[in-house]
């Protein structure tokens, strides 16, 4: 049987661009088996078009043993497969295991080191440096710095107050109602902090969060 779907709203025709700040193409597979290439850029483009995401930020990040998935795809520019209205950009998720939270560095020119801190049994087991210093390095590249799936306790209120963070993901895999309440607290405190949306979707899993949609819905 053939089904023809009709678009309910064409927001692109009204000048809007959609996007997702937090996607992973390859994650949590044995790096020895070439896990960085299980999902290739052409596969990412296929998914992005299917969900009509105009801008897709793929975030390279660490495993528990310290391997950084997809670091090799971070080029400091949009991927060559990008089209006029569908842009693929490999960026970085800087992750602290316990205290500080996870940050996304978007539109980076080069990888910010260290890529993670506070992970026992790795090259960076201590909670040092703090996220602030990592964010400063990213901002020096004119990158956009965001806190992905933010929660409290975390360092993000301090980093927003210090001016090194641009936005927080309110629509994400976390508690969106709680995040919204925290965002209003930031506004009420006088910080003009916009919000962003990132699903933390793993493209290499058969079933996971829908790309471009609120993670907790």
Protein backbone atom coordinates (compact mmCIF):
# COMPACT_ATOMS: atom_id res chain seq x y z
CA UNK A 1 0.00 0.00 0.00
CA UNK A 2 1.20 3.50 -0.75
CA UNK A 3 0.66 6.33 1.71
CA UNK A 4 1.18 9.97 0.81
CA UNK A 5 1.74 12.25 3.77
CA UNK A 6 0.75 15.90 3.70
CA UNK A 7 2.72 18.52 5.58
CA UNK A 8 0.59 20.17 8.24
CA UNK A 9 2.79 23.24 8.67
CA UNK A 10 5.62 24.37 6.41
CA UNK A 11 7.59 26.53 8.81
CA UNK A 12 10.54 26.71 6.41
CA UNK A 13 8.34 28.57 3.95
CA UNK A 14 7.70 31.14 6.70
CA UNK A 15 11.41 31.75 7.18
CA UNK A 16 12.01 29.46 10.18
CA UNK A 17 14.97 27.09 10.54
CA UNK A 18 14.73 24.01 12.70
CA UNK A 19 17.63 22.33 14.49
CA UNK A 20 18.90 20.04 17.21
CA UNK A 21 21.85 21.04 19.39
CA UNK A 22 22.62 17.55 20.68
CA UNK A 23 22.86 14.46 18.48
CA UNK A 24 25.23 11.48 18.48
CA UNK A 25 25.89 9.43 15.36
CA UNK A 26 28.07 6.76 16.98
CA UNK A 27 28.27 6.10 20.70
CA UNK A 28 29.04 3.33 23.16
CA UNK A 29 30.30 0.70 20.73
CA UNK A 30 33.69 -1.01 20.75
CA UNK A 31 36.08 1.47 19.08
CA UNK A 32 38.28 -1.41 17.87
CA UNK A 33 35.54 -2.51 15.50
CA UNK A 34 35.39 0.87 13.75
CA UNK A 35 32.43 2.15 15.75
CA UNK A 36 33.07 5.72 14.57
CA UNK A 37 31.94 4.64 11.11
CA UNK A 38 28.89 2.56 11.94
CA UNK A 39 26.69 5.56 11.14
CA UNK A 40 28.26 7.56 8.33
CA UNK A 41 27.63 11.22 7.43
CA UNK A 42 25.41 10.16 4.53
CA UNK A 43 23.25 8.25 7.04
CA UNK A 44 23.05 11.32 9.27
CA UNK A 45 21.92 13.45 6.33
CA UNK A 46 19.20 10.90 5.55
CA UNK A 47 17.89 11.08 9.13
CA UNK A 48 18.12 14.87 9.23
CA UNK A 49 16.08 15.19 6.05
CA UNK A 50 13.52 12.69 7.31
CA UNK A 51 12.95 14.83 10.41
CA UNK A 52 13.32 18.09 8.44
CA UNK A 53 16.08 19.39 10.71
CA UNK A 54 17.85 22.26 8.97
CA UNK A 55 20.80 22.34 11.38
CA UNK A 56 22.11 19.20 13.09
CA UNK A 57 24.89 19.44 15.65
CA UNK A 58 26.60 16.08 16.11
CA UNK A 59 28.56 16.06 19.38
CA UNK A 60 31.74 14.02 19.80
CA UNK A 61 32.04 12.80 23.39
CA UNK A 62 33.84 10.34 25.63
CA UNK A 63 33.07 6.80 26.71
CA UNK A 64 33.56 5.58 30.27
CA UNK A 65 37.11 4.43 29.47
CA UNK A 66 38.07 7.79 27.96
CA UNK A 67 37.75 7.02 24.24
CA UNK A 68 36.28 10.04 22.42
CA UNK A 69 33.82 8.94 19.78
CA UNK A 70 33.83 10.81 16.45
CA UNK A 71 36.65 13.18 17.33
CA UNK A 72 38.01 12.59 13.82
CA UNK A 73 34.86 14.10 12.30
CA UNK A 74 35.34 17.47 14.01
CA UNK A 75 36.58 19.63 11.12
CA UNK A 76 35.85 23.16 12.30
CA UNK A 77 33.31 23.68 9.52
CA UNK A 78 30.09 22.15 8.18
CA UNK A 79 30.47 18.65 6.80
CA UNK A 80 30.98 18.43 3.04
CA UNK A 81 27.62 16.67 2.59
CA UNK A 82 25.77 19.71 3.93
CA UNK A 83 23.24 21.26 1.60
CA UNK A 84 21.74 24.73 1.36
CA UNK A 85 19.02 24.00 3.90
CA UNK A 86 20.45 20.95 5.68
CA UNK A 87 23.66 21.58 7.59
CA UNK A 88 25.68 18.89 9.39
CA UNK A 89 28.26 20.15 11.86
CA UNK A 90 30.37 17.90 14.08
CA UNK A 91 31.08 19.61 17.39
CA UNK A 92 31.96 18.65 20.96
CA UNK A 93 30.21 17.63 24.15
CA UNK A 94 32.50 18.34 27.11
CA UNK A 95 31.37 16.09 29.96
CA UNK A 96 32.00 16.09 33.69
CA UNK A 97 30.71 12.96 35.37
CA UNK A 98 29.31 14.31 38.63
CA UNK A 99 29.66 17.94 39.66
CA UNK A 100 29.58 20.42 36.82
CA UNK A 101 27.28 19.12 34.10
CA UNK A 102 27.70 18.63 30.35
CA UNK A 103 28.38 21.43 27.87
CA UNK A 104 28.02 21.57 24.11
CA UNK A 105 30.52 23.61 22.12
CA UNK A 106 28.86 24.51 18.82
CA UNK A 107 30.63 25.93 15.77
CA UNK A 108 34.05 25.13 17.19
CA UNK A 109 37.13 25.50 15.01
CA UNK A 110 39.20 22.93 16.91
CA UNK A 111 38.65 20.43 19.70
CA UNK A 112 38.72 21.84 23.24
CA UNK A 113 40.97 19.83 25.53
CA UNK A 114 40.51 18.04 27.80
CA UNK A 115 37.38 16.52 26.27
CA UNK A 116 36.15 15.29 29.67
CA UNK A 117 36.99 15.51 33.38
CA UNK A 118 36.04 13.60 36.51
CA UNK A 119 35.86 10.12 34.97
CA UNK A 120 37.58 7.47 37.17
CA UNK A 121 40.03 5.18 35.41
CA UNK A 122 40.68 7.63 32.56
CA UNK A 123 43.36 10.20 31.82
CA UNK A 124 41.26 12.84 33.64
CA UNK A 125 39.82 11.27 36.81
CA UNK A 126 39.71 14.53 38.78
CA UNK A 127 37.11 17.30 38.53
CA UNK A 128 39.65 19.67 37.05
CA UNK A 129 39.48 22.00 35.23
CA UNK A 130 36.03 23.35 36.00
CA UNK A 131 33.61 23.90 33.13
CA UNK A 132 34.19 27.65 33.23
CA UNK A 133 37.74 27.32 31.94
CA UNK A 134 36.64 24.96 29.17
CA UNK A 135 33.90 27.36 28.14
CA UNK A 136 36.42 30.22 27.96
CA UNK A 137 38.51 28.16 25.50
CA UNK A 138 35.46 27.51 23.34
CA UNK A 139 34.36 31.17 23.40
CA UNK A 140 37.85 32.14 22.23
CA UNK A 141 36.99 30.25 19.03
CA UNK A 142 33.72 32.23 18.74
CA UNK A 143 31.82 29.05 19.57
CA UNK A 144 28.35 28.96 21.06
CA UNK A 145 28.47 27.39 24.53
CA UNK A 146 25.38 25.63 25.86
CA UNK A 147 24.53 23.39 28.78
CA UNK A 148 22.89 20.24 27.44
CA UNK A 149 20.18 18.40 29.46
CA UNK A 150 20.85 20.82 32.38
CA UNK A 151 19.97 19.93 35.94
CA UNK A 152 20.79 21.16 39.42
CA UNK A 153 23.11 20.97 41.25
CA UNK A 154 25.32 22.05 38.39
CA UNK A 155 27.74 24.78 37.42
CA UNK A 156 25.53 26.36 34.76
CA UNK A 157 23.98 29.18 36.89
CA UNK A 158 27.49 30.35 37.81
CA UNK A 159 28.76 30.16 34.23
CA UNK A 160 25.75 32.10 32.95
CA UNK A 161 26.39 34.77 35.58
CA UNK A 162 30.05 34.91 34.51
CA UNK A 163 29.03 35.38 30.86
CA UNK A 164 30.66 32.30 29.32
CA UNK A 165 27.48 30.37 28.51
CA UNK A 166 25.04 31.40 25.78
CA UNK A 167 22.04 29.18 26.44
CA UNK A 168 20.66 26.10 28.16
CA UNK A 169 18.67 23.28 26.58
CA UNK A 170 15.17 23.45 28.04
CA UNK A 171 13.67 20.98 25.57
CA UNK A 172 15.85 17.91 26.07
CA UNK A 173 15.92 14.42 27.53
CA UNK A 174 15.66 15.90 31.02
CA UNK A 175 12.67 17.23 32.95
CA UNK A 176 11.46 20.00 30.65
CA UNK A 177 8.98 21.51 33.13
CA UNK A 178 11.69 21.72 35.79
CA UNK A 179 14.14 23.20 33.28
CA UNK A 180 11.57 25.79 32.26
CA UNK A 181 11.10 26.80 35.89
CA UNK A 182 14.85 27.16 36.36
CA UNK A 183 15.04 29.24 33.18
CA UNK A 184 12.42 31.64 34.56
CA UNK A 185 14.47 31.93 37.73
CA UNK A 186 17.45 32.99 35.61
CA UNK A 187 15.31 35.59 33.85
CA UNK A 188 13.94 36.86 37.17
CA UNK A 189 17.52 37.22 38.40
CA UNK A 190 18.25 39.56 35.48
CA UNK A 191 20.11 37.18 33.16
CA UNK A 192 18.97 37.41 29.54
CA UNK A 193 19.56 33.76 28.78
CA UNK A 194 17.82 32.30 25.72
CA UNK A 195 16.83 28.65 25.54
CA UNK A 196 17.72 25.91 23.07
CA UNK A 197 16.61 22.37 22.28
CA UNK A 198 18.68 19.21 22.02
CA UNK A 199 17.46 15.64 22.20
CA UNK A 200 20.68 13.70 22.96
CA UNK A 201 19.45 11.16 20.42
CA UNK A 202 21.72 8.23 19.48
CA UNK A 203 21.43 7.55 15.77
CA UNK A 204 23.16 4.17 16.09
CA UNK A 205 20.45 2.65 18.29
CA UNK A 206 17.39 1.03 16.65
CA UNK A 207 15.10 2.71 19.17
CA UNK A 208 15.92 5.97 20.89
CA UNK A 209 14.76 9.55 21.36
CA UNK A 210 13.20 11.14 18.29
CA UNK A 211 15.54 13.63 16.63
CA UNK A 212 14.27 17.20 16.81
CA UNK A 213 11.59 16.47 19.40
CA UNK A 214 11.40 17.20 23.11
CA UNK A 215 13.17 14.34 24.83
CA UNK A 216 10.75 13.81 27.70
CA UNK A 217 7.56 13.90 25.61
